[in-house]
Amino acid sequence: MDIPGARSVTLVDGASGLAVASAGEHKGIDEHEDAAGTTDVVRAALRCQALGSADDDLTEIVVCRTSGFHLLQLVDGDFDGRLFVHVVFDSGTGNLGMARYQLRSALAELTGGGR
């Protein structure tokens, strides 16, 4: 939540679609609905052959809206299943490039150097 423009963050278990942890303001939707909906997005992107290949892993998804943007960052680590982070940013105070960089750096620090 220290990234400029961040409004909310949810750590999601991509295998179950459940929220593991969350922080910030989830306007009009709770973190469990957020987790279930964004899990569908991640699963659809992973299944789509046009978006990748067997030797090229999906690492993030960016969704841009008029009021802000969403980063869905997949997390590497020594755990079962697939975790990802969903961060919502305000367009007035967030910067997409810096947000991507800072989120990747924070996740690398938490996971011991991975992305």
PDB file of N, CA and C in Angstrom:
ATOM      1  N   MET A   1       0.824  -1.204   0.000  1.00  0.00           N
ATOM      2  CA  MET A   1       0.000   0.000   0.000  1.00  0.00           C
ATOM      3  C   MET A   1       0.862   1.259   0.000  1.00  0.00           C
ATOM      4  N   ASP A   2       2.179   1.116   0.058  1.00  0.00           N
ATOM      5  CA  ASP A   2       3.064   2.280   0.034  1.00  0.00           C
ATOM      6  C   ASP A   2       3.339   2.789  -1.375  1.00  0.00           C
ATOM      7  N   ILE A   3       2.866   2.087  -2.388  1.00  0.00           N
ATOM      8  CA  ILE A   3       3.064   2.523  -3.770  1.00  0.00           C
ATOM      9  C   ILE A   3       2.105   3.682  -4.041  1.00  0.00           C
ATOM     10  N   PRO A   4       2.606   4.809  -4.556  1.00  0.00           N
ATOM     11  CA  PRO A   4       1.732   5.963  -4.802  1.00  0.00           C
ATOM     12  C   PRO A   4       0.528   5.606  -5.677  1.00  0.00           C
ATOM     13  N   GLY A   5      -0.646   6.028  -5.225  1.00  0.00           N
ATOM     14  CA  GLY A   5      -1.880   5.785  -5.953  1.00  0.00           C
ATOM     15  C   GLY A   5      -2.589   4.492  -5.606  1.00  0.00           C
ATOM     16  N   ALA A   6      -1.952   3.614  -4.819  1.00  0.00           N
ATOM     17  CA  ALA A   6      -2.575   2.333  -4.461  1.00  0.00           C
ATOM     18  C   ALA A   6      -3.797   2.574  -3.577  1.00  0.00           C
ATOM     19  N   ARG A   7      -4.918   1.985  -3.961  1.00  0.00           N
ATOM     20  CA  ARG A   7      -6.155   2.131  -3.186  1.00  0.00           C
ATOM     21  C   ARG A   7      -6.497   0.856  -2.430  1.00  0.00           C
ATOM     22  N   SER A   8      -6.191  -0.297  -3.035  1.00  0.00           N
ATOM     23  CA  SER A   8      -6.445  -1.569  -2.359  1.00  0.00           C
ATOM     24  C   SER A   8      -5.519  -2.631  -2.936  1.00  0.00           C
ATOM     25  N   VAL A   9      -5.298  -3.661  -2.128  1.00  0.00           N
ATOM     26  CA  VAL A   9      -4.480  -4.790  -2.561  1.00  0.00           C
ATOM     27  C   VAL A   9      -5.095  -6.058  -1.999  1.00  0.00           C
ATOM     28  N   THR A  10      -5.097  -7.108  -2.810  1.00  0.00           N
ATOM     29  CA  THR A  10      -5.594  -8.408  -2.379  1.00  0.00           C
ATOM     30  C   THR A  10      -4.616  -9.477  -2.839  1.00  0.00           C
ATOM     31  N   LEU A  11      -4.186 -10.335  -1.916  1.00  0.00           N
ATOM     32  CA  LEU A  11      -3.391 -11.507  -2.247  1.00  0.00           C
ATOM     33  C   LEU A  11      -4.375 -12.648  -2.456  1.00  0.00           C
ATOM     34  N   VAL A  12      -4.297 -13.288  -3.630  1.00  0.00           N
ATOM     35  CA  VAL A  12      -5.291 -14.274  -4.025  1.00  0.00           C
ATOM     36  C   VAL A  12      -4.646 -15.636  -4.260  1.00  0.00           C
ATOM     37  N   ASP A  13      -5.301 -16.677  -3.765  1.00  0.00           N
ATOM     38  CA  ASP A  13      -4.925 -18.054  -4.075  1.00  0.00           C
ATOM     39  C   ASP A  13      -5.597 -18.401  -5.403  1.00  0.00           C
ATOM     40  N   GLY A  14      -4.811 -18.462  -6.457  1.00  0.00           N
ATOM     41  CA  GLY A  14      -5.358 -18.710  -7.786  1.00  0.00           C
ATOM     42  C   GLY A  14      -5.938 -20.103  -7.965  1.00  0.00           C
ATOM     43  N   ALA A  15      -5.540 -21.053  -7.134  1.00  0.00           N
ATOM     44  CA  ALA A  15      -6.082 -22.407  -7.231  1.00  0.00           C
ATOM     45  C   ALA A  15      -7.524 -22.457  -6.746  1.00  0.00           C
ATOM     46  N   SER A  16      -7.811 -21.755  -5.642  1.00  0.00           N
ATOM     47  CA  SER A  16      -9.153 -21.789  -5.062  1.00  0.00           C
ATOM     48  C   SER A  16      -9.988 -20.558  -5.400  1.00  0.00           C
ATOM     49  N   GLY A  17      -9.328 -19.459  -5.770  1.00  0.00           N
ATOM     50  CA  GLY A  17     -10.042 -18.214  -6.024  1.00  0.00           C
ATOM     51  C   GLY A  17     -10.408 -17.460  -4.755  1.00  0.00           C
ATOM     52  N   LEU A  18      -9.741 -17.787  -3.655  1.00  0.00           N
ATOM     53  CA  LEU A  18     -10.044 -17.149  -2.374  1.00  0.00           C
ATOM     54  C   LEU A  18      -9.012 -16.086  -2.022  1.00  0.00           C
ATOM     55  N   ALA A  19      -9.463 -15.055  -1.327  1.00  0.00           N
ATOM     56  CA  ALA A  19      -8.566 -14.016  -0.831  1.00  0.00           C
ATOM     57  C   ALA A  19      -7.773 -14.572   0.347  1.00  0.00           C
ATOM     58  N   VAL A  20      -6.464 -14.409   0.311  1.00  0.00           N
ATOM     59  CA  VAL A  20      -5.595 -14.828   1.398  1.00  0.00           C
ATOM     60  C   VAL A  20      -5.439 -13.682   2.389  1.00  0.00           C
ATOM     61  N   ALA A  21      -5.292 -12.462   1.844  1.00  0.00           N
ATOM     62  CA  ALA A  21      -5.141 -11.260   2.666  1.00  0.00           C
ATOM     63  C   ALA A  21      -5.530 -10.052   1.822  1.00  0.00           C
ATOM     64  N   SER A  22      -5.902  -8.964   2.493  1.00  0.00           N
ATOM     65  CA  SER A  22      -6.237  -7.747   1.758  1.00  0.00           C
ATOM     66  C   SER A  22      -6.021  -6.525   2.639  1.00  0.00           C
ATOM     67  N   ALA A  23      -5.907  -5.373   1.972  1.00  0.00           N
ATOM     68  CA  ALA A  23      -5.756  -4.098   2.674  1.00  0.00           C
ATOM     69  C   ALA A  23      -6.305  -2.998   1.777  1.00  0.00           C
ATOM     70  N   GLY A  24      -6.637  -1.879   2.388  1.00  0.00           N
ATOM     71  CA  GLY A  24      -7.120  -0.735   1.626  1.00  0.00           C
ATOM     72  C   GLY A  24      -8.626  -0.725   1.504  1.00  0.00           C
ATOM     73  N   GLU A  25      -9.118   0.167   0.637  1.00  0.00           N
ATOM     74  CA  GLU A  25     -10.560   0.328   0.457  1.00  0.00           C
ATOM     75  C   GLU A  25     -11.038  -0.423  -0.784  1.00  0.00           C
ATOM     76  N   HIS A  26     -11.926  -1.369  -0.561  1.00  0.00           N
ATOM     77  CA  HIS A  26     -12.526  -2.147  -1.638  1.00  0.00           C
ATOM     78  C   HIS A  26     -13.933  -1.599  -1.879  1.00  0.00           C
ATOM     79  N   LYS A  27     -14.024  -0.526  -2.640  1.00  0.00           N
ATOM     80  CA  LYS A  27     -15.300   0.165  -2.854  1.00  0.00           C
ATOM     81  C   LYS A  27     -16.335  -0.731  -3.528  1.00  0.00           C
ATOM     82  N   GLY A  28     -17.425  -0.973  -2.822  1.00  0.00           N
ATOM     83  CA  GLY A  28     -18.563  -1.676  -3.396  1.00  0.00           C
ATOM     84  C   GLY A  28     -18.383  -3.160  -3.627  1.00  0.00           C
ATOM     85  N   ILE A  29     -17.216  -3.705  -3.343  1.00  0.00           N
ATOM     86  CA  ILE A  29     -16.993  -5.141  -3.542  1.00  0.00           C
ATOM     87  C   ILE A  29     -16.046  -5.618  -2.446  1.00  0.00           C
ATOM     88  N   ASP A  30     -16.359  -6.747  -1.845  1.00  0.00           N
ATOM     89  CA  ASP A  30     -15.461  -7.213  -0.787  1.00  0.00           C
ATOM     90  C   ASP A  30     -14.302  -8.000  -1.391  1.00  0.00           C
ATOM     91  N   GLU A  31     -13.305  -8.251  -0.567  1.00  0.00           N
ATOM     92  CA  GLU A  31     -12.091  -8.890  -1.074  1.00  0.00           C
ATOM     93  C   GLU A  31     -12.328 -10.297  -1.603  1.00  0.00           C
ATOM     94  N   HIS A  32     -13.361 -10.984  -1.124  1.00  0.00           N
ATOM     95  CA  HIS A  32     -13.631 -12.341  -1.601  1.00  0.00           C
ATOM     96  C   HIS A  32     -14.265 -12.328  -2.990  1.00  0.00           C
ATOM     97  N   GLU A  33     -15.150 -11.366  -3.240  1.00  0.00           N
ATOM     98  CA  GLU A  33     -15.697 -11.189  -4.589  1.00  0.00           C
ATOM     99  C   GLU A  33     -14.600 -10.742  -5.547  1.00  0.00           C
ATOM    100  N   ASP A  34     -13.754  -9.847  -5.086  1.00  0.00           N
ATOM    101  CA  ASP A  34     -12.600  -9.387  -5.855  1.00  0.00           C
ATOM    102  C   ASP A  34     -11.738 -10.578  -6.255  1.00  0.00           C
ATOM    103  N   ALA A  35     -11.413 -11.423  -5.295  1.00  0.00           N
ATOM    104  CA  ALA A  35     -10.555 -12.579  -5.542  1.00  0.00           C
ATOM    105  C   ALA A  35     -11.178 -13.541  -6.548  1.00  0.00           C
ATOM    106  N   ALA A  36     -12.452 -13.824  -6.390  1.00  0.00           N
ATOM    107  CA  ALA A  36     -13.124 -14.752  -7.308  1.00  0.00           C
ATOM    108  C   ALA A  36     -13.160 -14.198  -8.734  1.00  0.00           C
ATOM    109  N   GLY A  37     -13.492 -12.923  -8.868  1.00  0.00           N
ATOM    110  CA  GLY A  37     -13.563 -12.317 -10.197  1.00  0.00           C
ATOM    111  C   GLY A  37     -12.222 -12.218 -10.884  1.00  0.00           C
ATOM    112  N   THR A  38     -11.209 -11.792 -10.150  1.00  0.00           N
ATOM    113  CA  THR A  38      -9.895 -11.667 -10.778  1.00  0.00           C
ATOM    114  C   THR A  38      -9.259 -13.027 -11.043  1.00  0.00           C
ATOM    115  N   THR A  39      -9.614 -14.042 -10.266  1.00  0.00           N
ATOM    116  CA  THR A  39      -9.137 -15.394 -10.559  1.00  0.00           C
ATOM    117  C   THR A  39      -9.657 -15.848 -11.909  1.00  0.00           C
ATOM    118  N   ASP A  40     -10.908 -15.537 -12.220  1.00  0.00           N
ATOM    119  CA  ASP A  40     -11.455 -15.872 -13.539  1.00  0.00           C
ATOM    120  C   ASP A  40     -10.667 -15.206 -14.657  1.00  0.00           C
ATOM    121  N   VAL A  41     -10.272 -13.937 -14.444  1.00  0.00           N
ATOM    122  CA  VAL A  41      -9.489 -13.203 -15.444  1.00  0.00           C
ATOM    123  C   VAL A  41      -8.125 -13.869 -15.643  1.00  0.00           C
ATOM    124  N   VAL A  42      -7.443 -14.190 -14.545  1.00  0.00           N
ATOM    125  CA  VAL A  42      -6.124 -14.809 -14.633  1.00  0.00           C
ATOM    126  C   VAL A  42      -6.219 -16.175 -15.308  1.00  0.00           C
ATOM    127  N   ARG A  43      -7.189 -16.966 -14.925  1.00  0.00           N
ATOM    128  CA  ARG A  43      -7.348 -18.297 -15.536  1.00  0.00           C
ATOM    129  C   ARG A  43      -7.619 -18.194 -17.028  1.00  0.00           C
ATOM    130  N   ALA A  44      -8.467 -17.240 -17.428  1.00  0.00           N
ATOM    131  CA  ALA A  44      -8.762 -17.051 -18.858  1.00  0.00           C
ATOM    132  C   ALA A  44      -7.502 -16.652 -19.619  1.00  0.00           C
ATOM    133  N   ALA A  45      -6.711 -15.756 -19.052  1.00  0.00           N
ATOM    134  CA  ALA A  45      -5.471 -15.328 -19.715  1.00  0.00           C
ATOM    135  C   ALA A  45      -4.476 -16.482 -19.818  1.00  0.00           C
ATOM    136  N   LEU A  46      -4.387 -17.314 -18.783  1.00  0.00           N
ATOM    137  CA  LEU A  46      -3.475 -18.453 -18.810  1.00  0.00           C
ATOM    138  C   LEU A  46      -3.885 -19.499 -19.848  1.00  0.00           C
ATOM    139  N   ARG A  47      -5.185 -19.638 -20.072  1.00  0.00           N
ATOM    140  CA  ARG A  47      -5.686 -20.603 -21.056  1.00  0.00           C
ATOM    141  C   ARG A  47      -5.570 -20.106 -22.494  1.00  0.00           C
ATOM    142  N   CYS A  48      -5.477 -18.824 -22.695  1.00  0.00           N
ATOM    143  CA  CYS A  48      -5.507 -18.231 -24.031  1.00  0.00           C
ATOM    144  C   CYS A  48      -4.170 -18.417 -24.748  1.00  0.00           C
ATOM    145  N   GLN A  49      -4.146 -19.244 -25.763  1.00  0.00           N
ATOM    146  CA  GLN A  49      -2.916 -19.522 -26.497  1.00  0.00           C
ATOM    147  C   GLN A  49      -2.385 -18.293 -27.224  1.00  0.00           C
ATOM    148  N   ALA A  50      -3.254 -17.369 -27.589  1.00  0.00           N
ATOM    149  CA  ALA A  50      -2.822 -16.160 -28.290  1.00  0.00           C
ATOM    150  C   ALA A  50      -2.018 -15.230 -27.389  1.00  0.00           C
ATOM    151  N   LEU A  51      -2.124 -15.393 -26.060  1.00  0.00           N
ATOM    152  CA  LEU A  51      -1.424 -14.518 -25.122  1.00  0.00           C
ATOM    153  C   LEU A  51      -0.097 -15.083 -24.634  1.00  0.00           C
ATOM    154  N   GLY A  52       0.268 -16.258 -25.067  1.00  0.00           N
ATOM    155  CA  GLY A  52       1.525 -16.831 -24.595  1.00  0.00           C
ATOM    156  C   GLY A  52       1.811 -18.164 -25.241  1.00  0.00           C
ATOM    157  N   SER A  53       2.877 -18.772 -24.791  1.00  0.00           N
ATOM    158  CA  SER A  53       3.256 -20.085 -25.291  1.00  0.00           C
ATOM    159  C   SER A  53       3.750 -20.930 -24.128  1.00  0.00           C
ATOM    160  N   ALA A  54       4.053 -22.179 -24.409  1.00  0.00           N
ATOM    161  CA  ALA A  54       4.460 -23.109 -23.352  1.00  0.00           C
ATOM    162  C   ALA A  54       5.758 -22.687 -22.681  1.00  0.00           C
ATOM    163  N   ASP A  55       6.634 -21.986 -23.393  1.00  0.00           N
ATOM    164  CA  ASP A  55       7.923 -21.596 -22.825  1.00  0.00           C
ATOM    165  C   ASP A  55       7.987 -20.115 -22.424  1.00  0.00           C
ATOM    166  N   ASP A  56       6.837 -19.458 -22.338  1.00  0.00           N
ATOM    167  CA  ASP A  56       6.791 -18.030 -22.014  1.00  0.00           C
ATOM    168  C   ASP A  56       5.684 -17.805 -20.983  1.00  0.00           C
ATOM    169  N   ASP A  57       6.071 -17.705 -19.698  1.00  0.00           N
ATOM    170  CA  ASP A  57       5.101 -17.585 -18.611  1.00  0.00           C
ATOM    171  C   ASP A  57       4.422 -16.214 -18.573  1.00  0.00           C
ATOM    172  N   LEU A  58       3.159 -16.214 -18.216  1.00  0.00           N
ATOM    173  CA  LEU A  58       2.426 -14.983 -17.944  1.00  0.00           C
ATOM    174  C   LEU A  58       2.886 -14.455 -16.592  1.00  0.00           C
ATOM    175  N   THR A  59       3.236 -13.168 -16.524  1.00  0.00           N
ATOM    176  CA  THR A  59       3.719 -12.605 -15.265  1.00  0.00           C
ATOM    177  C   THR A  59       2.784 -11.555 -14.694  1.00  0.00           C
ATOM    178  N   GLU A  60       2.078 -10.812 -15.566  1.00  0.00           N
ATOM    179  CA  GLU A  60       1.172  -9.788 -15.061  1.00  0.00           C
ATOM    180  C   GLU A  60       0.112  -9.457 -16.096  1.00  0.00           C
ATOM    181  N   ILE A  61      -0.976  -8.901 -15.577  1.00  0.00           N
ATOM    182  CA  ILE A  61      -2.075  -8.423 -16.408  1.00  0.00           C
ATOM    183  C   ILE A  61      -2.366  -6.999 -15.962  1.00  0.00           C
ATOM    184  N   VAL A  62      -2.519  -6.092 -16.924  1.00  0.00           N
ATOM    185  CA  VAL A  62      -2.826  -4.700 -16.634  1.00  0.00           C
ATOM    186  C   VAL A  62      -4.207  -4.401 -17.206  1.00  0.00           C
ATOM    187  N   VAL A  63      -5.085  -3.846 -16.381  1.00  0.00           N
ATOM    188  CA  VAL A  63      -6.420  -3.435 -16.820  1.00  0.00           C
ATOM    189  C   VAL A  63      -6.517  -1.936 -16.569  1.00  0.00           C
ATOM    190  N   CYS A  64      -6.756  -1.172 -17.638  1.00  0.00           N
ATOM    191  CA  CYS A  64      -6.847   0.286 -17.517  1.00  0.00           C
ATOM    192  C   CYS A  64      -8.297   0.728 -17.612  1.00  0.00           C
ATOM    193  N   ARG A  65      -8.686   1.617 -16.724  1.00  0.00           N
ATOM    194  CA  ARG A  65     -10.028   2.186 -16.676  1.00  0.00           C
ATOM    195  C   ARG A  65      -9.901   3.701 -16.647  1.00  0.00           C
ATOM    196  N   THR A  66     -11.002   4.412 -16.816  1.00  0.00           N
ATOM    197  CA  THR A  66     -10.940   5.872 -16.797  1.00  0.00           C
ATOM    198  C   THR A  66     -10.568   6.408 -15.421  1.00  0.00           C
ATOM    199  N   SER A  67     -10.945   5.693 -14.364  1.00  0.00           N
ATOM    200  CA  SER A  67     -10.674   6.175 -13.008  1.00  0.00           C
ATOM    201  C   SER A  67      -9.386   5.618 -12.412  1.00  0.00           C
ATOM    202  N   GLY A  68      -8.732   4.716 -13.109  1.00  0.00           N
ATOM    203  CA  GLY A  68      -7.512   4.130 -12.571  1.00  0.00           C
ATOM    204  C   GLY A  68      -7.116   2.888 -13.326  1.00  0.00           C
ATOM    205  N   PHE A  69      -6.251   2.104 -12.706  1.00  0.00           N
ATOM    206  CA  PHE A  69      -5.799   0.867 -13.347  1.00  0.00           C
ATOM    207  C   PHE A  69      -5.611  -0.220 -12.303  1.00  0.00           C
ATOM    208  N   HIS A  70      -5.619  -1.457 -12.778  1.00  0.00           N
ATOM    209  CA  HIS A  70      -5.477  -2.634 -11.940  1.00  0.00           C
ATOM    210  C   HIS A  70      -4.244  -3.396 -12.398  1.00  0.00           C
ATOM    211  N   LEU A  71      -3.437  -3.840 -11.465  1.00  0.00           N
ATOM    212  CA  LEU A  71      -2.318  -4.724 -11.766  1.00  0.00           C
ATOM    213  C   LEU A  71      -2.587  -6.070 -11.128  1.00  0.00           C
ATOM    214  N   LEU A  72      -2.533  -7.115 -11.928  1.00  0.00           N
ATOM    215  CA  LEU A  72      -2.630  -8.486 -11.449  1.00  0.00           C
ATOM    216  C   LEU A  72      -1.254  -9.092 -11.669  1.00  0.00           C
ATOM    217  N   GLN A  73      -0.494  -9.273 -10.603  1.00  0.00           N
ATOM    218  CA  GLN A  73       0.881  -9.743 -10.688  1.00  0.00           C
ATOM    219  C   GLN A  73       0.956 -11.159 -10.142  1.00  0.00           C
ATOM    220  N   LEU A  74       1.366 -12.132 -10.979  1.00  0.00           N
ATOM    221  CA  LEU A  74       1.526 -13.502 -10.526  1.00  0.00           C
ATOM    222  C   LEU A  74       2.793 -13.611  -9.709  1.00  0.00           C
ATOM    223  N   VAL A  75       2.754 -14.426  -8.658  1.00  0.00           N
ATOM    224  CA  VAL A  75       3.845 -14.520  -7.695  1.00  0.00           C
ATOM    225  C   VAL A  75       4.524 -15.874  -7.817  1.00  0.00           C
ATOM    226  N   ASP A  76       5.847 -15.858  -7.914  1.00  0.00           N
ATOM    227  CA  ASP A  76       6.634 -17.090  -7.870  1.00  0.00           C
ATOM    228  C   ASP A  76       7.029 -17.352  -6.432  1.00  0.00           C
ATOM    229  N   GLY A  77       7.186 -18.620  -6.098  1.00  0.00           N
ATOM    230  CA  GLY A  77       7.629 -18.935  -4.741  1.00  0.00           C
ATOM    231  C   GLY A  77       7.539 -20.416  -4.462  1.00  0.00           C
ATOM    232  N   ASP A  78       7.991 -20.816  -3.297  1.00  0.00           N
ATOM    233  CA  ASP A  78       7.974 -22.216  -2.880  1.00  0.00           C
ATOM    234  C   ASP A  78       6.698 -22.515  -2.114  1.00  0.00           C
ATOM    235  N   PHE A  79       5.593 -22.666  -2.841  1.00  0.00           N
ATOM    236  CA  PHE A  79       4.311 -22.977  -2.226  1.00  0.00           C
ATOM    237  C   PHE A  79       3.468 -23.721  -3.244  1.00  0.00           C
ATOM    238  N   ASP A  80       2.466 -24.427  -2.763  1.00  0.00           N
ATOM    239  CA  ASP A  80       1.570 -25.148  -3.651  1.00  0.00           C
ATOM    240  C   ASP A  80       0.605 -24.172  -4.305  1.00  0.00           C
ATOM    241  N   GLY A  81       0.295 -24.404  -5.569  1.00  0.00           N
ATOM    242  CA  GLY A  81      -0.683 -23.575  -6.250  1.00  0.00           C
ATOM    243  C   GLY A  81      -0.084 -22.303  -6.808  1.00  0.00           C
ATOM    244  N   ARG A  82      -0.947 -21.408  -7.243  1.00  0.00           N
ATOM    245  CA  ARG A  82      -0.532 -20.165  -7.885  1.00  0.00           C
ATOM    246  C   ARG A  82      -1.112 -18.985  -7.134  1.00  0.00           C
ATOM    247  N   LEU A  83      -0.272 -18.133  -6.616  1.00  0.00           N
ATOM    248  CA  LEU A  83      -0.718 -16.914  -5.952  1.00  0.00           C
ATOM    249  C   LEU A  83      -0.569 -15.741  -6.905  1.00  0.00           C
ATOM    250  N   PHE A  84      -1.450 -14.756  -6.749  1.00  0.00           N
ATOM    251  CA  PHE A  84      -1.261 -13.502  -7.457  1.00  0.00           C
ATOM    252  C   PHE A  84      -1.754 -12.360  -6.588  1.00  0.00           C
ATOM    253  N   VAL A  85      -1.267 -11.168  -6.910  1.00  0.00           N
ATOM    254  CA  VAL A  85      -1.625  -9.959  -6.183  1.00  0.00           C
ATOM    255  C   VAL A  85      -2.440  -9.077  -7.113  1.00  0.00           C
ATOM    256  N   HIS A  86      -3.554  -8.553  -6.601  1.00  0.00           N
ATOM    257  CA  HIS A  86      -4.396  -7.605  -7.345  1.00  0.00           C
ATOM    258  C   HIS A  86      -4.318  -6.272  -6.629  1.00  0.00           C
ATOM    259  N   VAL A  87      -3.750  -5.282  -7.305  1.00  0.00           N
ATOM    260  CA  VAL A  87      -3.642  -3.947  -6.727  1.00  0.00           C
ATOM    261  C   VAL A  87      -4.435  -2.978  -7.596  1.00  0.00           C
ATOM    262  N   VAL A  88      -5.274  -2.166  -6.952  1.00  0.00           N
ATOM    263  CA  VAL A  88      -6.071  -1.148  -7.636  1.00  0.00           C
ATOM    264  C   VAL A  88      -5.410   0.205  -7.387  1.00  0.00           C
ATOM    265  N   PHE A  89      -5.225   0.964  -8.470  1.00  0.00           N
ATOM    266  CA  PHE A  89      -4.578   2.277  -8.392  1.00  0.00           C
ATOM    267  C   PHE A  89      -5.516   3.367  -8.888  1.00  0.00           C
ATOM    268  N   ASP A  90      -5.384   4.540  -8.294  1.00  0.00           N
ATOM    269  CA  ASP A  90      -6.113   5.735  -8.698  1.00  0.00           C
ATOM    270  C   ASP A  90      -5.369   6.382  -9.863  1.00  0.00           C
ATOM    271  N   SER A  91      -6.096   6.836 -10.892  1.00  0.00           N
ATOM    272  CA  SER A  91      -5.441   7.426 -12.060  1.00  0.00           C
ATOM    273  C   SER A  91      -4.821   8.786 -11.758  1.00  0.00           C
ATOM    274  N   GLY A  92      -5.349   9.514 -10.784  1.00  0.00           N
ATOM    275  CA  GLY A  92      -4.836  10.837 -10.471  1.00  0.00           C
ATOM    276  C   GLY A  92      -3.509  10.833  -9.737  1.00  0.00           C
ATOM    277  N   THR A  93      -3.277   9.806  -8.928  1.00  0.00           N
ATOM    278  CA  THR A  93      -2.057   9.775  -8.123  1.00  0.00           C
ATOM    279  C   THR A  93      -1.142   8.607  -8.449  1.00  0.00           C
ATOM    280  N   GLY A  94      -1.607   7.665  -9.262  1.00  0.00           N
ATOM    281  CA  GLY A  94      -0.798   6.507  -9.619  1.00  0.00           C
ATOM    282  C   GLY A  94      -0.071   6.706 -10.938  1.00  0.00           C
ATOM    283  N   ASN A  95       1.046   6.026 -11.093  1.00  0.00           N
ATOM    284  CA  ASN A  95       1.830   6.036 -12.316  1.00  0.00           C
ATOM    285  C   ASN A  95       2.045   4.586 -12.711  1.00  0.00           C
ATOM    286  N   LEU A  96       1.539   4.188 -13.871  1.00  0.00           N
ATOM    287  CA  LEU A  96       1.563   2.780 -14.274  1.00  0.00           C
ATOM    288  C   LEU A  96       2.976   2.211 -14.298  1.00  0.00           C
ATOM    289  N   GLY A  97       3.912   2.913 -14.898  1.00  0.00           N
ATOM    290  CA  GLY A  97       5.284   2.413 -14.984  1.00  0.00           C
ATOM    291  C   GLY A  97       5.925   2.224 -13.623  1.00  0.00           C
ATOM    292  N   MET A  98       5.814   3.230 -12.787  1.00  0.00           N
ATOM    293  CA  MET A  98       6.396   3.135 -11.447  1.00  0.00           C
ATOM    294  C   MET A  98       5.681   2.097 -10.595  1.00  0.00           C
ATOM    295  N   ALA A  99       4.364   1.999 -10.756  1.00  0.00           N
ATOM    296  CA  ALA A  99       3.607   1.004  -9.991  1.00  0.00           C
ATOM    297  C   ALA A  99       4.060  -0.406 -10.353  1.00  0.00           C
ATOM    298  N   ARG A 100       4.241  -0.667 -11.637  1.00  0.00           N
ATOM    299  CA  ARG A 100       4.709  -1.993 -12.069  1.00  0.00           C
ATOM    300  C   ARG A 100       6.078  -2.289 -11.483  1.00  0.00           C
ATOM    301  N   TYR A 101       6.981  -1.327 -11.567  1.00  0.00           N
ATOM    302  CA  TYR A 101       8.338  -1.499 -11.064  1.00  0.00           C
ATOM    303  C   TYR A 101       8.334  -1.727  -9.551  1.00  0.00           C
ATOM    304  N   GLN A 102       7.620  -0.888  -8.818  1.00  0.00           N
ATOM    305  CA  GLN A 102       7.616  -0.994  -7.361  1.00  0.00           C
ATOM    306  C   GLN A 102       6.931  -2.271  -6.883  1.00  0.00           C
ATOM    307  N   LEU A 103       5.858  -2.683  -7.566  1.00  0.00           N
ATOM    308  CA  LEU A 103       5.187  -3.921  -7.179  1.00  0.00           C
ATOM    309  C   LEU A 103       6.095  -5.119  -7.414  1.00  0.00           C
ATOM    310  N   ARG A 104       6.752  -5.180  -8.566  1.00  0.00           N
ATOM    311  CA  ARG A 104       7.683  -6.280  -8.831  1.00  0.00           C
ATOM    312  C   ARG A 104       8.806  -6.306  -7.798  1.00  0.00           C
ATOM    313  N   SER A 105       9.333  -5.141  -7.451  1.00  0.00           N
ATOM    314  CA  SER A 105      10.412  -5.075  -6.450  1.00  0.00           C
ATOM    315  C   SER A 105       9.941  -5.573  -5.089  1.00  0.00           C
ATOM    316  N   ALA A 106       8.756  -5.152  -4.678  1.00  0.00           N
ATOM    317  CA  ALA A 106       8.204  -5.579  -3.384  1.00  0.00           C
ATOM    318  C   ALA A 106       7.976  -7.079  -3.356  1.00  0.00           C
ATOM    319  N   LEU A 107       7.460  -7.635  -4.443  1.00  0.00           N
ATOM    320  CA  LEU A 107       7.210  -9.077  -4.481  1.00  0.00           C
ATOM    321  C   LEU A 107       8.512  -9.863  -4.527  1.00  0.00           C
ATOM    322  N   ALA A 108       9.524  -9.353  -5.221  1.00  0.00           N
ATOM    323  CA  ALA A 108      10.825 -10.016  -5.250  1.00  0.00           C
ATOM    324  C   ALA A 108      11.429 -10.062  -3.851  1.00  0.00           C
ATOM    325  N   GLU A 109      11.277  -8.973  -3.110  1.00  0.00           N
ATOM    326  CA  GLU A 109      11.791  -8.930  -1.737  1.00  0.00           C
ATOM    327  C   GLU A 109      11.064  -9.933  -0.843  1.00  0.00           C
ATOM    328  N   LEU A 110       9.747 -10.041  -1.011  1.00  0.00           N
ATOM    329  CA  LEU A 110       8.954 -10.961  -0.189  1.00  0.00           C
ATOM    330  C   LEU A 110       9.202 -12.430  -0.524  1.00  0.00           C
ATOM    331  N   THR A 111       9.493 -12.718  -1.800  1.00  0.00           N
ATOM    332  CA  THR A 111       9.640 -14.110  -2.227  1.00  0.00           C
ATOM    333  C   THR A 111      11.093 -14.548  -2.339  1.00  0.00           C
ATOM    334  N   GLY A 112      12.007 -13.689  -1.994  1.00  0.00           N
ATOM    335  CA  GLY A 112      13.411 -14.071  -2.017  1.00  0.00           C
ATOM    336  C   GLY A 112      14.077 -13.930  -3.357  1.00  0.00           C
ATOM    337  N   GLY A 113      13.655 -12.964  -4.152  1.00  0.00           N
ATOM    338  CA  GLY A 113      14.364 -12.664  -5.401  1.00  0.00           C
ATOM    339  C   GLY A 113      13.633 -13.018  -6.668  1.00  0.00           C
ATOM    340  N   GLY A 114      12.566 -13.795  -6.592  1.00  0.00           N
ATOM    341  CA  GLY A 114      11.781 -14.085  -7.798  1.00  0.00           C
ATOM    342  C   GLY A 114      11.009 -12.867  -8.201  1.00  0.00           C
ATOM    343  N   ARG A 115      10.081 -13.022  -9.122  1.00  0.00           N
ATOM    344  CA  ARG A 115       9.278 -11.850  -9.504  1.00  0.00           C
ATOM    345  C   ARG A 115       8.066 -11.721  -8.651  1.00  0.00           C
TER     346      ARG A 115
END
